């Protein structure tokens, strides 16, 4: 497994699970990632209704094998539900992939991390 593939930070002060991906995943790496994030979620005492920011700006589009593994390990019903999800990616192709894979009505996509955090905390759409 690639070292430093991702960072996971639990911010109890604002009920935020803050994740940053740093590369392309294989199916095996997704399984290890899922085990870690699920285990840490429980250990950190988080519960459904948290905020989720996923910064994918350094990871680009994921391969099909990884997408299938994400669906298997973290798809609907396999992880506690967030109240809001902010995805960060400047890539138009990655945005299309996210829209295809993640259809939650409480999800928004942003080009940079700061407006994503603002939306998560306030629910207000960033100014155009």
N, C-alpha and C. Protein backbone atom coordinates (compact mmCIF):
# COMPACT_ATOMS: atom_id res chain seq x y z
N UNK A 1 0.85 -1.18 0.00
CA UNK A 1 0.00 0.00 0.00
C UNK A 1 0.89 1.24 0.00
N UNK A 2 0.48 2.24 -0.73
CA UNK A 2 1.22 3.49 -0.81
C UNK A 2 1.17 4.22 0.52
N UNK A 3 2.30 4.68 0.99
CA UNK A 3 2.32 5.46 2.21
C UNK A 3 1.81 6.87 1.94
N UNK A 4 1.20 7.46 2.94
CA UNK A 4 0.70 8.82 2.85
C UNK A 4 -0.31 9.00 1.72
N UNK A 5 -1.14 7.98 1.53
CA UNK A 5 -2.17 8.00 0.49
C UNK A 5 -3.31 8.94 0.86
N UNK A 6 -3.50 9.15 2.17
CA UNK A 6 -4.60 9.97 2.64
C UNK A 6 -4.32 10.45 4.05
N UNK A 7 -5.04 11.50 4.43
CA UNK A 7 -5.02 12.01 5.80
C UNK A 7 -6.46 12.00 6.30
N UNK A 8 -6.63 11.59 7.55
CA UNK A 8 -7.96 11.57 8.17
C UNK A 8 -7.87 12.36 9.46
N UNK A 9 -8.71 13.37 9.58
CA UNK A 9 -8.71 14.21 10.78
C UNK A 9 -10.14 14.32 11.30
N UNK A 10 -10.31 14.03 12.58
CA UNK A 10 -11.61 14.19 13.22
C UNK A 10 -11.56 15.46 14.04
N UNK A 11 -12.41 16.42 13.67
CA UNK A 11 -12.46 17.71 14.37
C UNK A 11 -13.71 17.74 15.24
N UNK A 12 -13.52 17.36 16.48
CA UNK A 12 -14.64 17.30 17.42
C UNK A 12 -15.26 18.68 17.65
N UNK A 13 -14.46 19.73 17.59
CA UNK A 13 -14.97 21.08 17.87
C UNK A 13 -16.06 21.52 16.91
N UNK A 14 -16.04 20.98 15.68
CA UNK A 14 -17.06 21.35 14.69
C UNK A 14 -17.75 20.12 14.09
N UNK A 15 -17.56 18.95 14.71
CA UNK A 15 -18.19 17.70 14.28
C UNK A 15 -17.87 17.39 12.81
N UNK A 16 -16.60 17.55 12.46
CA UNK A 16 -16.14 17.41 11.07
C UNK A 16 -15.19 16.23 10.91
N UNK A 17 -15.49 15.38 9.95
CA UNK A 17 -14.55 14.37 9.48
C UNK A 17 -13.91 14.97 8.24
N UNK A 18 -12.63 15.27 8.33
CA UNK A 18 -11.89 15.98 7.28
C UNK A 18 -10.89 15.01 6.66
N UNK A 19 -11.10 14.64 5.41
CA UNK A 19 -10.27 13.65 4.73
C UNK A 19 -9.63 14.28 3.50
N UNK A 20 -8.36 13.97 3.29
CA UNK A 20 -7.66 14.41 2.07
C UNK A 20 -7.03 13.18 1.43
N UNK A 21 -7.28 13.01 0.13
CA UNK A 21 -6.67 11.92 -0.63
C UNK A 21 -5.48 12.48 -1.40
N UNK A 22 -4.43 11.64 -1.52
CA UNK A 22 -3.20 12.11 -2.16
C UNK A 22 -2.75 11.24 -3.33
N UNK A 23 -3.62 10.40 -3.85
CA UNK A 23 -3.21 9.57 -4.97
C UNK A 23 -4.32 8.66 -5.43
N UNK A 24 -3.97 7.74 -6.30
CA UNK A 24 -4.92 6.78 -6.84
C UNK A 24 -4.92 5.53 -5.96
N UNK A 25 -6.10 5.00 -5.73
CA UNK A 25 -6.27 3.82 -4.90
C UNK A 25 -6.39 2.57 -5.76
N UNK A 26 -5.94 1.46 -5.21
CA UNK A 26 -6.25 0.13 -5.76
C UNK A 26 -7.40 -0.41 -4.92
N UNK A 27 -8.00 -1.49 -5.35
CA UNK A 27 -9.06 -2.11 -4.56
C UNK A 27 -8.57 -2.51 -3.18
N UNK A 28 -7.37 -3.04 -3.09
CA UNK A 28 -6.79 -3.45 -1.81
C UNK A 28 -6.56 -2.24 -0.90
N UNK A 29 -6.10 -1.16 -1.47
CA UNK A 29 -5.88 0.05 -0.68
C UNK A 29 -7.20 0.64 -0.18
N UNK A 30 -8.25 0.54 -0.99
CA UNK A 30 -9.57 1.02 -0.55
C UNK A 30 -10.03 0.20 0.65
N UNK A 31 -9.84 -1.11 0.62
CA UNK A 31 -10.26 -1.97 1.73
C UNK A 31 -9.52 -1.56 3.02
N UNK A 32 -8.24 -1.31 2.94
CA UNK A 32 -7.46 -0.88 4.11
C UNK A 32 -7.92 0.50 4.59
N UNK A 33 -8.14 1.41 3.66
CA UNK A 33 -8.63 2.75 3.98
C UNK A 33 -9.98 2.66 4.69
N UNK A 34 -10.89 1.84 4.15
CA UNK A 34 -12.23 1.69 4.74
C UNK A 34 -12.13 1.15 6.16
N UNK A 35 -11.28 0.15 6.38
CA UNK A 35 -11.10 -0.38 7.73
C UNK A 35 -10.61 0.70 8.68
N UNK A 36 -9.64 1.51 8.22
CA UNK A 36 -9.10 2.56 9.07
C UNK A 36 -10.13 3.63 9.38
N UNK A 37 -10.80 4.14 8.37
CA UNK A 37 -11.74 5.23 8.61
C UNK A 37 -12.92 4.75 9.46
N UNK A 38 -13.40 3.53 9.24
CA UNK A 38 -14.50 3.00 10.06
C UNK A 38 -14.05 2.81 11.50
N UNK A 39 -12.88 2.23 11.69
CA UNK A 39 -12.36 2.01 13.04
C UNK A 39 -12.14 3.31 13.79
N UNK A 40 -11.57 4.26 13.12
CA UNK A 40 -11.31 5.55 13.76
C UNK A 40 -12.60 6.31 14.03
N UNK A 41 -13.59 6.16 13.16
CA UNK A 41 -14.89 6.81 13.37
C UNK A 41 -15.47 6.38 14.72
N UNK A 42 -15.45 5.09 14.96
CA UNK A 42 -15.96 4.55 16.22
C UNK A 42 -15.07 4.98 17.39
N UNK A 43 -13.76 4.83 17.23
CA UNK A 43 -12.83 5.19 18.31
C UNK A 43 -12.92 6.66 18.68
N UNK A 44 -13.19 7.52 17.72
CA UNK A 44 -13.29 8.96 17.96
C UNK A 44 -14.64 9.36 18.56
N UNK A 45 -15.57 8.41 18.59
CA UNK A 45 -16.88 8.70 19.17
C UNK A 45 -17.79 9.52 18.28
N UNK A 46 -17.55 9.49 16.98
CA UNK A 46 -18.42 10.21 16.05
C UNK A 46 -19.71 9.42 15.84
N UNK A 47 -20.75 10.08 15.40
CA UNK A 47 -22.03 9.43 15.16
C UNK A 47 -22.67 10.05 13.92
N UNK A 48 -23.74 9.43 13.40
CA UNK A 48 -24.39 9.99 12.21
C UNK A 48 -24.77 11.45 12.43
N UNK A 49 -24.74 12.21 11.32
CA UNK A 49 -25.06 13.63 11.39
C UNK A 49 -23.84 14.53 11.40
N UNK A 50 -22.66 13.96 11.32
CA UNK A 50 -21.41 14.72 11.27
C UNK A 50 -21.29 15.43 9.92
N UNK A 51 -20.32 16.31 9.81
CA UNK A 51 -19.99 16.98 8.55
C UNK A 51 -18.82 16.25 7.92
N UNK A 52 -18.78 16.15 6.60
CA UNK A 52 -17.70 15.46 5.90
C UNK A 52 -17.15 16.35 4.81
N UNK A 53 -15.84 16.61 4.88
CA UNK A 53 -15.15 17.30 3.78
C UNK A 53 -14.12 16.32 3.24
N UNK A 54 -14.21 16.04 1.94
CA UNK A 54 -13.26 15.16 1.28
C UNK A 54 -12.51 15.97 0.23
N UNK A 55 -11.23 16.19 0.50
CA UNK A 55 -10.40 16.95 -0.42
C UNK A 55 -9.71 15.98 -1.37
N UNK A 56 -10.17 15.96 -2.59
CA UNK A 56 -9.63 15.07 -3.63
C UNK A 56 -8.74 15.83 -4.61
N UNK A 57 -8.35 17.04 -4.25
CA UNK A 57 -7.63 17.88 -5.20
C UNK A 57 -6.26 17.32 -5.58
N UNK A 58 -5.71 16.43 -4.78
CA UNK A 58 -4.40 15.83 -5.11
C UNK A 58 -4.52 14.39 -5.55
N UNK A 59 -5.74 13.92 -5.84
CA UNK A 59 -5.89 12.50 -6.16
C UNK A 59 -6.41 12.22 -7.56
N UNK A 60 -6.99 13.19 -8.23
CA UNK A 60 -7.52 13.02 -9.59
C UNK A 60 -8.63 11.98 -9.64
N UNK A 61 -8.86 11.45 -10.82
CA UNK A 61 -9.93 10.48 -11.06
C UNK A 61 -9.47 9.10 -10.60
N UNK A 62 -10.34 8.39 -9.89
CA UNK A 62 -10.00 7.07 -9.38
C UNK A 62 -10.28 5.99 -10.44
N UNK A 63 -9.45 4.93 -10.46
CA UNK A 63 -9.67 3.84 -11.41
C UNK A 63 -10.95 3.06 -11.08
N UNK A 64 -11.49 2.36 -12.07
CA UNK A 64 -12.73 1.60 -11.90
C UNK A 64 -12.65 0.57 -10.78
N UNK A 65 -11.51 -0.09 -10.64
CA UNK A 65 -11.32 -1.07 -9.56
C UNK A 65 -11.51 -0.41 -8.20
N UNK A 66 -10.99 0.79 -8.04
CA UNK A 66 -11.12 1.51 -6.77
C UNK A 66 -12.57 1.92 -6.54
N UNK A 67 -13.25 2.39 -7.59
CA UNK A 67 -14.65 2.79 -7.45
C UNK A 67 -15.51 1.63 -6.98
N UNK A 68 -15.28 0.46 -7.56
CA UNK A 68 -16.04 -0.73 -7.15
C UNK A 68 -15.77 -1.06 -5.69
N UNK A 69 -14.53 -0.92 -5.27
CA UNK A 69 -14.17 -1.20 -3.87
C UNK A 69 -14.79 -0.16 -2.93
N UNK A 70 -14.80 1.11 -3.33
CA UNK A 70 -15.44 2.14 -2.51
C UNK A 70 -16.93 1.82 -2.34
N UNK A 71 -17.59 1.42 -3.41
CA UNK A 71 -19.02 1.07 -3.32
C UNK A 71 -19.22 -0.10 -2.36
N UNK A 72 -18.35 -1.10 -2.46
CA UNK A 72 -18.46 -2.29 -1.62
C UNK A 72 -18.22 -1.97 -0.13
N UNK A 73 -17.19 -1.22 0.16
CA UNK A 73 -16.77 -1.00 1.55
C UNK A 73 -17.37 0.23 2.21
N UNK A 74 -17.69 1.25 1.42
CA UNK A 74 -18.18 2.51 2.02
C UNK A 74 -19.47 3.01 1.39
N UNK A 75 -20.08 2.21 0.55
CA UNK A 75 -21.30 2.61 -0.11
C UNK A 75 -22.46 2.73 0.87
N UNK A 76 -23.62 3.06 0.33
CA UNK A 76 -24.80 3.29 1.15
C UNK A 76 -25.04 2.12 2.12
N UNK A 77 -25.23 2.48 3.37
CA UNK A 77 -25.47 1.48 4.41
C UNK A 77 -24.21 0.91 5.04
N UNK A 78 -23.04 1.23 4.48
CA UNK A 78 -21.79 0.69 5.00
C UNK A 78 -21.00 1.69 5.84
N UNK A 79 -21.54 2.90 6.01
CA UNK A 79 -20.85 3.91 6.81
C UNK A 79 -21.91 4.88 7.34
N UNK A 80 -21.75 5.36 8.56
CA UNK A 80 -22.74 6.29 9.11
C UNK A 80 -22.94 7.52 8.21
N UNK A 81 -24.18 7.95 8.11
CA UNK A 81 -24.56 9.04 7.21
C UNK A 81 -24.14 10.40 7.76
N UNK A 82 -23.58 11.21 6.89
CA UNK A 82 -23.23 12.59 7.23
C UNK A 82 -24.48 13.47 7.04
N UNK A 83 -24.46 14.65 7.65
CA UNK A 83 -25.55 15.60 7.41
C UNK A 83 -25.26 16.47 6.19
N UNK A 84 -23.98 16.71 5.93
CA UNK A 84 -23.53 17.44 4.74
C UNK A 84 -22.20 16.86 4.28
N UNK A 85 -22.02 16.83 2.97
CA UNK A 85 -20.76 16.36 2.39
C UNK A 85 -20.26 17.42 1.42
N UNK A 86 -19.02 17.84 1.61
CA UNK A 86 -18.37 18.77 0.68
C UNK A 86 -17.19 18.05 0.04
N UNK A 87 -17.18 17.99 -1.26
CA UNK A 87 -16.09 17.39 -2.02
C UNK A 87 -15.27 18.52 -2.61
N UNK A 88 -13.95 18.41 -2.52
CA UNK A 88 -13.06 19.43 -3.07
C UNK A 88 -12.26 18.82 -4.21
N UNK A 89 -12.46 19.37 -5.40
CA UNK A 89 -11.65 18.97 -6.56
C UNK A 89 -11.75 20.05 -7.63
N UNK A 90 -10.62 20.46 -8.19
CA UNK A 90 -10.66 21.42 -9.29
C UNK A 90 -10.85 20.74 -10.65
N UNK A 91 -10.80 19.41 -10.68
CA UNK A 91 -10.85 18.65 -11.92
C UNK A 91 -12.29 18.45 -12.41
N UNK A 92 -12.55 18.85 -13.63
CA UNK A 92 -13.89 18.66 -14.22
C UNK A 92 -14.22 17.18 -14.36
N UNK A 93 -13.23 16.37 -14.71
CA UNK A 93 -13.47 14.94 -14.87
C UNK A 93 -13.75 14.30 -13.51
N UNK A 94 -13.01 14.69 -12.49
CA UNK A 94 -13.25 14.16 -11.14
C UNK A 94 -14.64 14.57 -10.65
N UNK A 95 -15.06 15.78 -10.99
CA UNK A 95 -16.40 16.23 -10.60
C UNK A 95 -17.47 15.32 -11.22
N UNK A 96 -17.29 14.97 -12.48
CA UNK A 96 -18.24 14.07 -13.14
C UNK A 96 -18.26 12.71 -12.46
N UNK A 97 -17.09 12.21 -12.09
CA UNK A 97 -17.02 10.93 -11.41
C UNK A 97 -17.73 10.99 -10.05
N UNK A 98 -17.50 12.05 -9.31
CA UNK A 98 -18.15 12.22 -8.01
C UNK A 98 -19.67 12.28 -8.19
N UNK A 99 -20.13 13.04 -9.15
CA UNK A 99 -21.58 13.17 -9.39
C UNK A 99 -22.21 11.83 -9.75
N UNK A 100 -21.47 11.00 -10.48
CA UNK A 100 -21.98 9.69 -10.87
C UNK A 100 -22.01 8.74 -9.67
N UNK A 101 -20.99 8.80 -8.83
CA UNK A 101 -20.86 7.85 -7.72
C UNK A 101 -21.56 8.29 -6.44
N UNK A 102 -21.66 9.58 -6.21
CA UNK A 102 -22.20 10.09 -4.95
C UNK A 102 -23.41 10.97 -5.26
N UNK A 103 -24.58 10.45 -5.04
CA UNK A 103 -25.80 11.14 -5.46
C UNK A 103 -26.58 11.76 -4.31
N UNK A 104 -25.96 11.89 -3.16
CA UNK A 104 -26.65 12.46 -2.00
C UNK A 104 -27.07 13.90 -2.28
N UNK A 105 -28.29 14.23 -1.87
CA UNK A 105 -28.82 15.59 -2.07
C UNK A 105 -28.10 16.61 -1.18
N UNK A 106 -27.45 16.15 -0.14
CA UNK A 106 -26.75 17.02 0.80
C UNK A 106 -25.25 17.09 0.51
N UNK A 107 -24.87 16.87 -0.75
CA UNK A 107 -23.48 16.93 -1.19
C UNK A 107 -23.29 18.12 -2.13
N UNK A 108 -22.18 18.83 -1.98
CA UNK A 108 -21.79 19.91 -2.89
C UNK A 108 -20.32 19.71 -3.26
N UNK A 109 -19.96 20.19 -4.44
CA UNK A 109 -18.58 20.08 -4.92
C UNK A 109 -17.99 21.48 -5.03
N UNK A 110 -16.76 21.63 -4.56
CA UNK A 110 -16.05 22.91 -4.55
C UNK A 110 -14.67 22.75 -5.17
N UNK A 111 -14.16 23.85 -5.72
CA UNK A 111 -12.82 23.82 -6.32
C UNK A 111 -11.72 23.92 -5.29
N UNK A 112 -11.99 24.56 -4.17
CA UNK A 112 -10.99 24.73 -3.11
C UNK A 112 -11.61 24.40 -1.75
N UNK A 113 -10.75 24.16 -0.77
CA UNK A 113 -11.21 23.72 0.55
C UNK A 113 -11.90 24.80 1.39
N UNK A 114 -11.43 26.05 1.41
CA UNK A 114 -12.08 27.04 2.29
C UNK A 114 -13.58 27.24 2.06
N UNK A 115 -14.05 27.43 0.81
CA UNK A 115 -15.50 27.59 0.64
C UNK A 115 -16.27 26.32 0.99
N UNK A 116 -15.63 25.17 0.84
CA UNK A 116 -16.28 23.91 1.23
C UNK A 116 -16.54 23.91 2.73
N UNK A 117 -15.57 24.33 3.50
CA UNK A 117 -15.74 24.38 4.96
C UNK A 117 -16.79 25.41 5.35
N UNK A 118 -16.80 26.55 4.69
CA UNK A 118 -17.81 27.58 4.97
C UNK A 118 -19.20 27.03 4.74
N UNK A 119 -19.41 26.34 3.62
CA UNK A 119 -20.72 25.77 3.33
C UNK A 119 -21.11 24.72 4.36
N UNK A 120 -20.16 23.87 4.73
CA UNK A 120 -20.45 22.85 5.73
C UNK A 120 -20.93 23.47 7.04
N UNK A 121 -20.25 24.53 7.46
CA UNK A 121 -20.54 25.13 8.76
C UNK A 121 -21.77 26.04 8.75
N UNK A 122 -22.06 26.66 7.60
CA UNK A 122 -23.17 27.63 7.57
C UNK A 122 -24.36 27.17 6.73
N UNK A 123 -24.12 26.27 5.78
CA UNK A 123 -25.18 25.85 4.87
C UNK A 123 -25.44 26.85 3.77
N UNK A 124 -24.65 27.92 3.74
CA UNK A 124 -24.83 28.96 2.72
C UNK A 124 -23.96 28.66 1.50
N UNK A 125 -24.55 28.82 0.34
CA UNK A 125 -23.80 28.65 -0.90
C UNK A 125 -22.79 29.79 -1.03
N UNK A 126 -21.57 29.50 -1.49
CA UNK A 126 -20.59 30.56 -1.65
C UNK A 126 -21.02 31.57 -2.72
N UNK A 127 -20.58 32.78 -2.57
CA UNK A 127 -20.89 33.83 -3.55
C UNK A 127 -20.21 33.47 -4.87
N UNK A 128 -20.88 33.76 -5.97
CA UNK A 128 -20.35 33.43 -7.29
C UNK A 128 -19.18 34.33 -7.66
